[in-house]
């Protein structure tokens, strides 16, 4: 009887070892394939902060071989029991995964890539409490670039004078000045823009993320000053398609399909500033009308729209920055008080600028977008026809499949400078 029991135990041991080894083999395949296919994987660990231009590699061939040997030893096997096929499979999959991760990861060549500090005047329909929180994140990105020494933020021009009186965006500018120790001025209306241009020691980039009203009024008032001091207008507004298949909510009295919100605020101003002699870098918010779902927005060639999660955007930020974010976002709460970070960090926000601003001082970094030379015509109804007319630079996605995730990486790195 004892002999039979012993033989049964021995046979059960062999069966157990075989199952462990098989399970290990399958587990390694699943882990490797999971790292390759999980869309959020490379967001978790992108940049090695101690090395310039190098990224964290979670799977290395040597580690995989070592782990395989350890598990085999625990199962009572020797290294030779691991077949060459199994070891080669692990090596090849690891190398492919490593390459895929490096292709996805955003290069961090902030030191070696040439930098020309740009003077910037930021024009925004920023309010407090906000209309759309993306304007707050745009402002934070501008302050971050200034903190990084990549732009000289000359002023923030606040759009829509009448609304500013009741909900002044200057409150948020002042708070960011207190947070960072800077003294970036803010002002309301075209005269504030002209004053900022006069005070600038050299040419400036104008970023417009709201109505084009102040810029257009300033240009009409002093076109000579504007043409002398404005290096380019980065215009975040409009739809890349003249007749979008999906309607916009506003501007239907100008166009049957409506107009993108920023354009609808003042269609003639949008049209005339594009027709002016000022150089234009056009970043349409949409390409084909309002985005009906995040996945729908992922496939648009010329629309800057991207959906990002708060936790990822602030993954590298300190607690003071997150506190500012929570206070600004919580201004929308009718019941008062602050949002709880743990409750809202998983929420998503649609954005149109933020990380794209990084291309102003550093155009040569590896982005999931580029700017192409095209000719356009600004139509009286607030739409744009592409293919003839004025030469401009047009935003174009170059990595549509990974656009959202890579924009999260760029923006989280940028916000870490605050």
Protein backbone atom coordinates (compact mmCIF):
# COMPACT_ATOMS: atom_id res chain seq x y z
CA UNK A 1 0.00 0.00 0.00
CA UNK A 2 2.80 2.43 0.95
CA UNK A 3 4.51 1.70 -2.37
CA UNK A 4 1.34 2.48 -4.30
CA UNK A 5 0.86 5.70 -2.37
CA UNK A 6 4.47 6.67 -3.01
CA UNK A 7 4.09 6.02 -6.74
CA UNK A 8 0.88 8.06 -6.81
CA UNK A 9 2.54 10.97 -4.99
CA UNK A 10 5.52 10.78 -7.39
CA UNK A 11 3.25 10.75 -10.44
CA UNK A 12 1.20 13.63 -9.01
CA UNK A 13 4.43 15.57 -8.47
CA UNK A 14 5.45 15.08 -12.09
CA UNK A 15 2.01 16.18 -13.26
CA UNK A 16 2.16 19.26 -11.02
CA UNK A 17 5.60 20.26 -12.32
CA UNK A 18 4.39 19.86 -15.92
CA UNK A 19 1.36 22.02 -15.22
CA UNK A 20 3.47 24.71 -13.53
CA UNK A 21 5.88 24.85 -16.46
CA UNK A 22 3.06 24.99 -18.99
CA UNK A 23 1.29 27.63 -16.93
CA UNK A 24 4.51 29.67 -16.80
CA UNK A 25 4.92 29.44 -20.56
CA UNK A 26 1.35 30.61 -21.16
CA UNK A 27 1.65 33.31 -18.50
CA UNK A 28 4.77 34.72 -20.14
CA UNK A 29 2.98 34.83 -23.50
CA UNK A 30 -0.01 36.56 -21.95
CA UNK A 31 2.13 39.07 -20.08
CA UNK A 32 4.16 39.91 -23.16
CA UNK A 33 1.12 40.17 -25.39
CA UNK A 34 -0.68 42.19 -22.75
CA UNK A 35 2.14 44.72 -22.64
CA UNK A 36 1.95 45.02 -26.40
CA UNK A 37 -1.82 45.37 -26.70
CA UNK A 38 -2.96 47.21 -23.57
CA UNK A 39 -3.53 50.79 -24.70
CA UNK A 40 -2.77 52.39 -21.35
CA UNK A 41 0.39 50.39 -20.64
CA UNK A 42 3.03 52.78 -21.85
CA UNK A 43 1.34 55.67 -20.06
CA UNK A 44 2.24 54.13 -16.69
CA UNK A 45 6.01 54.41 -16.99
CA UNK A 46 7.28 56.54 -19.84
CA UNK A 47 10.27 58.62 -18.90
CA UNK A 48 13.31 57.77 -16.82
CA UNK A 49 13.80 61.10 -15.05
CA UNK A 50 17.51 60.43 -14.53
CA UNK A 51 18.39 59.90 -18.18
CA UNK A 52 17.91 62.23 -21.08
CA UNK A 53 16.22 60.70 -24.14
CA UNK A 54 15.87 57.22 -22.57
CA UNK A 55 12.69 55.50 -21.50
CA UNK A 56 11.89 52.88 -18.91
CA UNK A 57 11.82 49.34 -20.32
CA UNK A 58 9.58 47.11 -18.22
CA UNK A 59 10.61 43.94 -20.03
CA UNK A 60 14.25 43.09 -20.66
CA UNK A 61 15.50 39.87 -22.18
CA UNK A 62 17.89 39.14 -19.33
CA UNK A 63 15.15 39.54 -16.73
CA UNK A 64 12.86 37.21 -18.61
CA UNK A 65 15.55 34.53 -18.87
CA UNK A 66 16.34 34.93 -15.17
CA UNK A 67 12.68 34.67 -14.17
CA UNK A 68 12.26 31.58 -16.35
CA UNK A 69 15.26 29.91 -14.71
CA UNK A 70 14.03 30.74 -11.21
CA UNK A 71 10.56 29.37 -11.80
CA UNK A 72 11.97 26.25 -13.41
CA UNK A 73 14.26 25.72 -10.43
CA UNK A 74 11.34 26.10 -8.04
CA UNK A 75 9.55 23.38 -9.97
CA UNK A 76 12.50 21.06 -9.43
CA UNK A 77 13.80 21.41 -12.97
CA UNK A 78 17.14 22.49 -14.36
CA UNK A 79 17.77 25.28 -16.85
CA UNK A 80 18.19 22.70 -19.60
CA UNK A 81 14.57 21.62 -19.17
CA UNK A 82 13.53 24.95 -20.68
CA UNK A 83 13.55 24.28 -24.39
CA UNK A 84 15.46 26.52 -26.72
CA UNK A 85 12.22 27.24 -28.53
CA UNK A 86 10.65 28.59 -25.36
CA UNK A 87 13.65 30.76 -24.54
CA UNK A 88 13.86 32.08 -28.10
CA UNK A 89 10.15 32.87 -28.12
CA UNK A 90 10.51 34.91 -24.93
CA UNK A 91 13.53 36.78 -26.30
CA UNK A 92 11.86 37.66 -29.60
CA UNK A 93 8.63 38.78 -27.97
CA UNK A 94 10.56 40.91 -25.47
CA UNK A 95 12.53 42.64 -28.22
CA UNK A 96 9.36 43.34 -30.21
CA UNK A 97 7.63 44.70 -27.10
CA UNK A 98 10.61 46.90 -26.27
CA UNK A 99 10.65 48.33 -29.79
CA UNK A 100 6.90 48.99 -29.70
CA UNK A 101 7.23 50.80 -26.38
CA UNK A 102 10.05 53.01 -27.65
CA UNK A 103 8.05 53.82 -30.78
CA UNK A 104 5.08 54.86 -28.65
CA UNK A 105 6.97 56.74 -25.96
CA UNK A 106 7.44 60.46 -26.39
CA UNK A 107 11.18 61.37 -26.62
CA UNK A 108 12.37 63.56 -23.79
CA UNK A 109 15.17 65.34 -25.65
CA UNK A 110 14.61 68.63 -23.89
CA UNK A 111 18.29 69.44 -23.59
CA UNK A 112 19.81 68.40 -26.90
CA UNK A 113 16.98 69.62 -29.16
CA UNK A 114 17.67 73.24 -30.24
CA UNK A 115 15.53 75.81 -28.45
CA UNK A 116 14.58 79.29 -29.57
CA UNK A 117 12.67 80.99 -26.78
CA UNK A 118 9.48 82.48 -28.22
CA UNK A 119 7.62 85.49 -26.89
CA UNK A 120 3.94 84.62 -26.57
CA UNK A 121 0.73 86.58 -25.95
CA UNK A 122 -2.10 84.23 -25.03
CA UNK A 123 -5.65 85.29 -25.97
CA UNK A 124 -8.38 83.26 -24.25
CA UNK A 125 -12.07 83.21 -23.36
CA UNK A 126 -11.03 82.26 -19.82
CA UNK A 127 -13.55 82.91 -17.06
CA UNK A 128 -13.83 82.18 -13.36
CA UNK A 129 -16.02 80.25 -12.81
CA UNK A 130 -15.22 78.75 -16.18
CA UNK A 131 -17.35 78.18 -19.24
CA UNK A 132 -15.18 75.30 -20.42
CA UNK A 133 -12.38 73.98 -18.23
CA UNK A 134 -10.07 73.41 -21.19
CA UNK A 135 -9.30 77.15 -21.05
CA UNK A 136 -7.88 76.69 -17.53
CA UNK A 137 -5.68 73.80 -18.69
CA UNK A 138 -4.50 75.91 -21.64
CA UNK A 139 -3.47 78.67 -19.23
CA UNK A 140 -1.65 76.18 -17.00
CA UNK A 141 0.22 74.88 -20.05
CA UNK A 142 1.31 78.40 -20.97
CA UNK A 143 2.60 79.05 -17.46
CA UNK A 144 4.37 75.68 -17.55
CA UNK A 145 6.19 76.58 -20.77
CA UNK A 146 7.17 79.89 -19.21
CA UNK A 147 8.41 78.07 -16.09
CA UNK A 148 10.45 75.72 -18.27
CA UNK A 149 12.16 78.71 -19.89
CA UNK A 150 10.85 77.75 -23.31
CA UNK A 151 8.60 80.75 -23.89
CA UNK A 152 8.47 84.30 -22.61
CA UNK A 153 4.79 84.69 -21.75
CA UNK A 154 4.30 88.42 -22.25
CA UNK A 155 0.62 88.72 -21.36
CA UNK A 156 -2.75 86.98 -21.14
CA UNK A 157 -5.55 88.75 -23.01
CA UNK A 158 -9.03 87.94 -21.73
CA UNK A 159 -11.79 87.73 -24.30
CA UNK A 160 -15.42 88.96 -24.13
CA UNK A 161 -15.16 92.10 -22.04
CA UNK A 162 -18.74 92.14 -20.78
CA UNK A 163 -18.57 88.61 -19.38
CA UNK A 164 -15.15 89.26 -17.84
CA UNK A 165 -16.67 91.91 -15.59
CA UNK A 166 -18.81 89.31 -13.81
CA UNK A 167 -16.53 86.27 -14.00
CA UNK A 168 -12.97 87.59 -14.37
CA UNK A 169 -10.43 85.14 -15.72
CA UNK A 170 -7.77 87.37 -14.17
CA UNK A 171 -8.47 85.58 -10.87
CA UNK A 172 -6.86 82.42 -12.27
CA UNK A 173 -3.95 84.35 -13.81
CA UNK A 174 -3.26 85.92 -10.41
CA UNK A 175 -3.45 82.56 -8.65
CA UNK A 176 -0.97 81.01 -11.07
CA UNK A 177 1.32 84.00 -10.59
CA UNK A 178 1.19 83.37 -6.84
CA UNK A 179 1.84 79.67 -7.35
CA UNK A 180 4.83 80.15 -9.64
CA UNK A 181 6.27 83.43 -8.35
CA UNK A 182 5.86 85.17 -11.70
CA UNK A 183 4.10 88.41 -12.54
CA UNK A 184 2.48 87.72 -15.91
CA UNK A 185 0.12 90.61 -16.69
CA UNK A 186 -3.45 90.12 -17.89
CA UNK A 187 -5.80 92.52 -19.59
CA UNK A 188 -9.14 92.76 -21.31
CA UNK A 189 -9.86 93.84 -24.86
CA UNK A 190 -7.92 94.93 -27.97
CA UNK A 191 -6.20 97.86 -26.27
CA UNK A 192 -4.58 95.48 -23.77
CA UNK A 193 -3.31 93.44 -26.71
CA UNK A 194 -1.86 96.51 -28.43
CA UNK A 195 -0.16 97.56 -25.20
CA UNK A 196 1.42 94.11 -24.83
CA UNK A 197 2.67 94.30 -28.43
CA UNK A 198 4.18 97.75 -27.89
CA UNK A 199 5.90 96.61 -24.69
CA UNK A 200 7.41 93.52 -26.28
CA UNK A 201 11.11 93.93 -27.18
CA UNK A 202 10.64 91.77 -30.29
CA UNK A 203 8.23 89.69 -32.39
CA UNK A 204 5.62 87.59 -30.61
CA UNK A 205 3.44 84.55 -31.26
CA UNK A 206 -0.27 85.15 -30.64
CA UNK A 207 -2.17 82.07 -29.46
CA UNK A 208 -5.94 82.40 -29.82
CA UNK A 209 -8.09 79.82 -28.03
CA UNK A 210 -11.31 81.82 -27.92
CA UNK A 211 -12.91 84.52 -30.02
CA UNK A 212 -10.72 86.30 -32.59
CA UNK A 213 -12.45 89.59 -31.74
CA UNK A 214 -9.66 91.27 -29.76
CA UNK A 215 -6.98 90.39 -32.30
CA UNK A 216 -9.11 91.57 -35.22
CA UNK A 217 -9.99 94.87 -33.48
CA UNK A 218 -6.33 95.43 -32.58
CA UNK A 219 -5.29 94.73 -36.17
CA UNK A 220 -7.84 97.21 -37.55
CA UNK A 221 -6.67 99.84 -35.05
CA UNK A 222 -2.93 99.52 -35.75
CA UNK A 223 -2.15 97.14 -38.63
CA UNK A 224 1.42 98.45 -38.94
CA UNK A 225 2.25 97.58 -35.31
CA UNK A 226 0.56 94.19 -35.62
CA UNK A 227 2.37 93.25 -38.82
CA UNK A 228 5.67 94.40 -37.33
CA UNK A 229 5.36 92.66 -33.96
CA UNK A 230 3.28 89.53 -34.68
CA UNK A 231 5.49 86.68 -35.90
CA UNK A 232 2.52 84.33 -36.36
CA UNK A 233 -1.01 83.71 -35.14
CA UNK A 234 -1.67 80.22 -33.78
CA UNK A 235 -5.40 79.99 -34.29
CA UNK A 236 -7.23 77.23 -32.38
CA UNK A 237 -10.66 77.53 -33.93
CA UNK A 238 -12.94 76.28 -36.67
CA UNK A 239 -13.65 73.10 -38.54
CA UNK A 240 -11.33 71.69 -41.20
CA UNK A 241 -14.30 70.81 -43.42
CA UNK A 242 -16.34 73.47 -45.18
CA UNK A 243 -19.49 71.33 -45.03
CA UNK A 244 -19.13 69.04 -41.99
CA UNK A 245 -21.25 65.90 -41.94
CA UNK A 246 -22.19 66.50 -38.29
CA UNK A 247 -23.71 69.79 -37.16
CA UNK A 248 -22.25 72.33 -34.79
CA UNK A 249 -24.44 73.84 -32.10
CA UNK A 250 -23.72 77.50 -32.79
CA UNK A 251 -23.53 79.78 -35.83
CA UNK A 252 -26.42 78.28 -37.78
CA UNK A 253 -27.43 81.77 -38.96
CA UNK A 254 -24.11 81.82 -40.85
CA UNK A 255 -23.92 78.24 -42.07
CA UNK A 256 -26.60 75.50 -42.20
CA UNK A 257 -24.36 73.02 -40.35
CA UNK A 258 -23.39 75.61 -37.78
CA UNK A 259 -19.92 76.80 -36.85
CA UNK A 260 -17.36 75.69 -34.29
CA UNK A 261 -17.88 77.62 -31.03
CA UNK A 262 -14.84 79.93 -31.20
CA UNK A 263 -15.69 80.94 -34.76
CA UNK A 264 -19.38 81.38 -33.94
CA UNK A 265 -18.45 83.98 -31.30
CA UNK A 266 -17.48 86.34 -34.14
CA UNK A 267 -17.44 84.80 -37.64
CA UNK A 268 -16.40 88.03 -39.45
CA UNK A 269 -13.40 88.46 -37.14
CA UNK A 270 -12.29 84.87 -37.83
CA UNK A 271 -12.69 85.36 -41.56
CA UNK A 272 -10.91 88.72 -41.72
CA UNK A 273 -7.93 87.77 -39.56
CA UNK A 274 -7.24 84.85 -41.88
CA UNK A 275 -7.56 87.17 -44.89
CA UNK A 276 -5.12 89.62 -43.29
CA UNK A 277 -1.40 89.77 -43.99
CA UNK A 278 -0.58 88.08 -40.67
CA UNK A 279 1.06 84.62 -40.89
CA UNK A 280 -1.40 81.94 -39.75
CA UNK A 281 -0.86 78.56 -38.13
CA UNK A 282 -4.34 77.04 -38.15
CA UNK A 283 -5.29 74.34 -35.67
CA UNK A 284 -8.94 73.42 -36.33
CA UNK A 285 -10.77 72.16 -33.27
CA UNK A 286 -12.76 69.67 -35.35
CA UNK A 287 -12.66 67.91 -38.68
CA UNK A 288 -16.17 67.12 -39.85
CA UNK A 289 -18.36 68.53 -37.10
CA UNK A 290 -18.82 67.87 -33.40
CA UNK A 291 -17.28 64.66 -32.11
CA UNK A 292 -20.03 62.22 -31.17
CA UNK A 293 -17.79 59.85 -29.20
CA UNK A 294 -14.14 59.73 -28.08
CA UNK A 295 -13.37 56.93 -30.54
CA UNK A 296 -14.99 58.92 -33.33
CA UNK A 297 -12.70 61.84 -32.55
CA UNK A 298 -9.63 59.61 -32.70
CA UNK A 299 -9.76 59.26 -36.47
CA UNK A 300 -9.91 62.93 -37.54
CA UNK A 301 -6.95 64.08 -39.62
CA UNK A 302 -6.93 67.84 -39.01
CA UNK A 303 -8.92 68.23 -35.77
CA UNK A 304 -6.92 68.96 -32.61
CA UNK A 305 -9.63 67.45 -30.36
CA UNK A 306 -8.29 64.88 -27.91
CA UNK A 307 -9.73 63.16 -24.85
CA UNK A 308 -7.51 62.92 -21.76
CA UNK A 309 -7.87 61.57 -18.24
CA UNK A 310 -7.11 63.91 -15.34
CA UNK A 311 -5.01 61.34 -13.49
CA UNK A 312 -2.73 60.93 -16.50
CA UNK A 313 -2.50 64.66 -17.17
CA UNK A 314 -1.34 65.32 -13.61
CA UNK A 315 0.68 62.14 -13.11
CA UNK A 316 3.93 64.14 -12.78
CA UNK A 317 2.53 67.22 -11.02
CA UNK A 318 3.14 68.20 -7.41
CA UNK A 319 0.40 68.60 -4.81
CA UNK A 320 0.29 72.40 -5.09
CA UNK A 321 -0.50 72.17 -8.79
CA UNK A 322 -3.18 69.54 -8.19
CA UNK A 323 -4.64 71.76 -5.47
CA UNK A 324 -4.84 74.69 -7.92
CA UNK A 325 -6.50 72.40 -10.46
CA UNK A 326 -9.09 71.18 -7.94
CA UNK A 327 -9.90 74.71 -6.75
CA UNK A 328 -10.34 75.95 -10.33
CA UNK A 329 -12.45 72.97 -11.39
CA UNK A 330 -14.57 73.10 -8.23
CA UNK A 331 -15.69 76.66 -9.00
CA UNK A 332 -18.43 75.02 -11.12
CA UNK A 333 -19.96 73.31 -8.07
CA UNK A 334 -23.21 75.01 -7.13
CA UNK A 335 -23.11 73.33 -3.73
CA UNK A 336 -19.64 74.73 -3.00
CA UNK A 337 -16.63 72.90 -1.63
CA UNK A 338 -13.88 71.06 -3.48
CA UNK A 339 -14.02 67.95 -5.59
CA UNK A 340 -12.27 64.96 -4.08
CA UNK A 341 -9.23 64.08 -6.18
CA UNK A 342 -9.74 60.34 -5.77
CA UNK A 343 -13.29 60.69 -7.07
CA UNK A 344 -12.59 62.80 -10.14
CA UNK A 345 -9.08 61.74 -11.18
CA UNK A 346 -10.53 59.05 -13.45
CA UNK A 347 -12.72 61.57 -15.30
CA UNK A 348 -11.88 62.62 -18.85
CA UNK A 349 -11.79 66.04 -20.50
CA UNK A 350 -11.89 67.03 -24.16
CA UNK A 351 -8.97 69.31 -25.02
CA UNK A 352 -7.84 71.24 -28.08
CA UNK A 353 -4.57 73.00 -27.16
CA UNK A 354 -2.46 72.19 -24.07
CA UNK A 355 0.40 69.93 -25.26
CA UNK A 356 0.20 71.29 -28.82
CA UNK A 357 1.60 74.57 -27.47
CA UNK A 358 4.88 72.70 -26.93
CA UNK A 359 5.52 72.85 -30.66
CA UNK A 360 5.81 76.64 -30.53
CA UNK A 361 9.30 76.69 -28.97
CA UNK A 362 10.29 73.12 -29.91
CA UNK A 363 8.94 72.26 -33.36
CA UNK A 364 11.46 69.46 -33.97
CA UNK A 365 10.35 67.09 -31.18
CA UNK A 366 8.62 63.87 -32.15
CA UNK A 367 4.92 64.68 -31.89
CA UNK A 368 1.86 62.72 -33.04
CA UNK A 369 1.12 65.71 -35.28
CA UNK A 370 2.79 68.05 -37.73
CA UNK A 371 2.05 71.24 -39.64
CA UNK A 372 1.72 71.16 -43.42
CA UNK A 373 1.76 73.99 -45.93
CA UNK A 374 -1.63 74.48 -47.62
CA UNK A 375 -3.60 77.22 -49.32
CA UNK A 376 -6.99 78.21 -47.89
CA UNK A 377 -9.81 80.66 -48.56
CA UNK A 378 -11.78 82.23 -45.71
CA UNK A 379 -15.42 82.34 -46.73
CA UNK A 380 -17.98 84.97 -45.71
CA UNK A 381 -20.02 82.35 -43.83
CA UNK A 382 -17.21 81.58 -41.38
CA UNK A 383 -16.06 78.40 -43.11
CA UNK A 384 -12.74 77.58 -44.79
CA UNK A 385 -12.10 76.14 -48.24
CA UNK A 386 -8.82 74.24 -48.50
CA UNK A 387 -6.94 74.14 -51.79
CA UNK A 388 -6.55 77.72 -52.94
CA UNK A 389 -5.94 81.23 -51.60
CA UNK A 390 -3.65 82.25 -48.75
CA UNK A 391 -0.69 80.07 -47.79
CA UNK A 392 -0.80 78.92 -44.16
CA UNK A 393 0.40 76.08 -41.96
CA UNK A 394 -2.31 73.53 -41.12
CA UNK A 395 -2.35 71.10 -38.20
CA UNK A 396 -2.28 67.43 -39.22
CA UNK A 397 -2.23 64.28 -37.10
CA UNK A 398 0.60 61.92 -38.01
CA UNK A 399 -0.16 59.14 -35.50
CA UNK A 400 -3.93 58.93 -35.33
CA UNK A 401 -4.03 55.54 -33.60
CA UNK A 402 -1.98 56.75 -30.62
CA UNK A 403 -2.87 60.45 -30.75
CA UNK A 404 -4.85 60.61 -27.48
CA UNK A 405 -2.30 58.68 -25.43
CA UNK A 406 0.71 60.52 -26.79
CA UNK A 407 -0.94 63.87 -26.15
CA UNK A 408 -1.45 62.78 -22.52
CA UNK A 409 2.28 62.05 -22.27
CA UNK A 410 3.25 65.43 -23.74
CA UNK A 411 0.84 67.36 -21.54
CA UNK A 412 1.69 65.55 -18.30
CA UNK A 413 5.37 66.26 -18.88
CA UNK A 414 4.58 69.88 -19.66
CA UNK A 415 2.45 70.40 -16.56
CA UNK A 416 5.25 68.96 -14.41
CA UNK A 417 7.16 72.21 -14.97
CA UNK A 418 4.67 74.22 -12.94
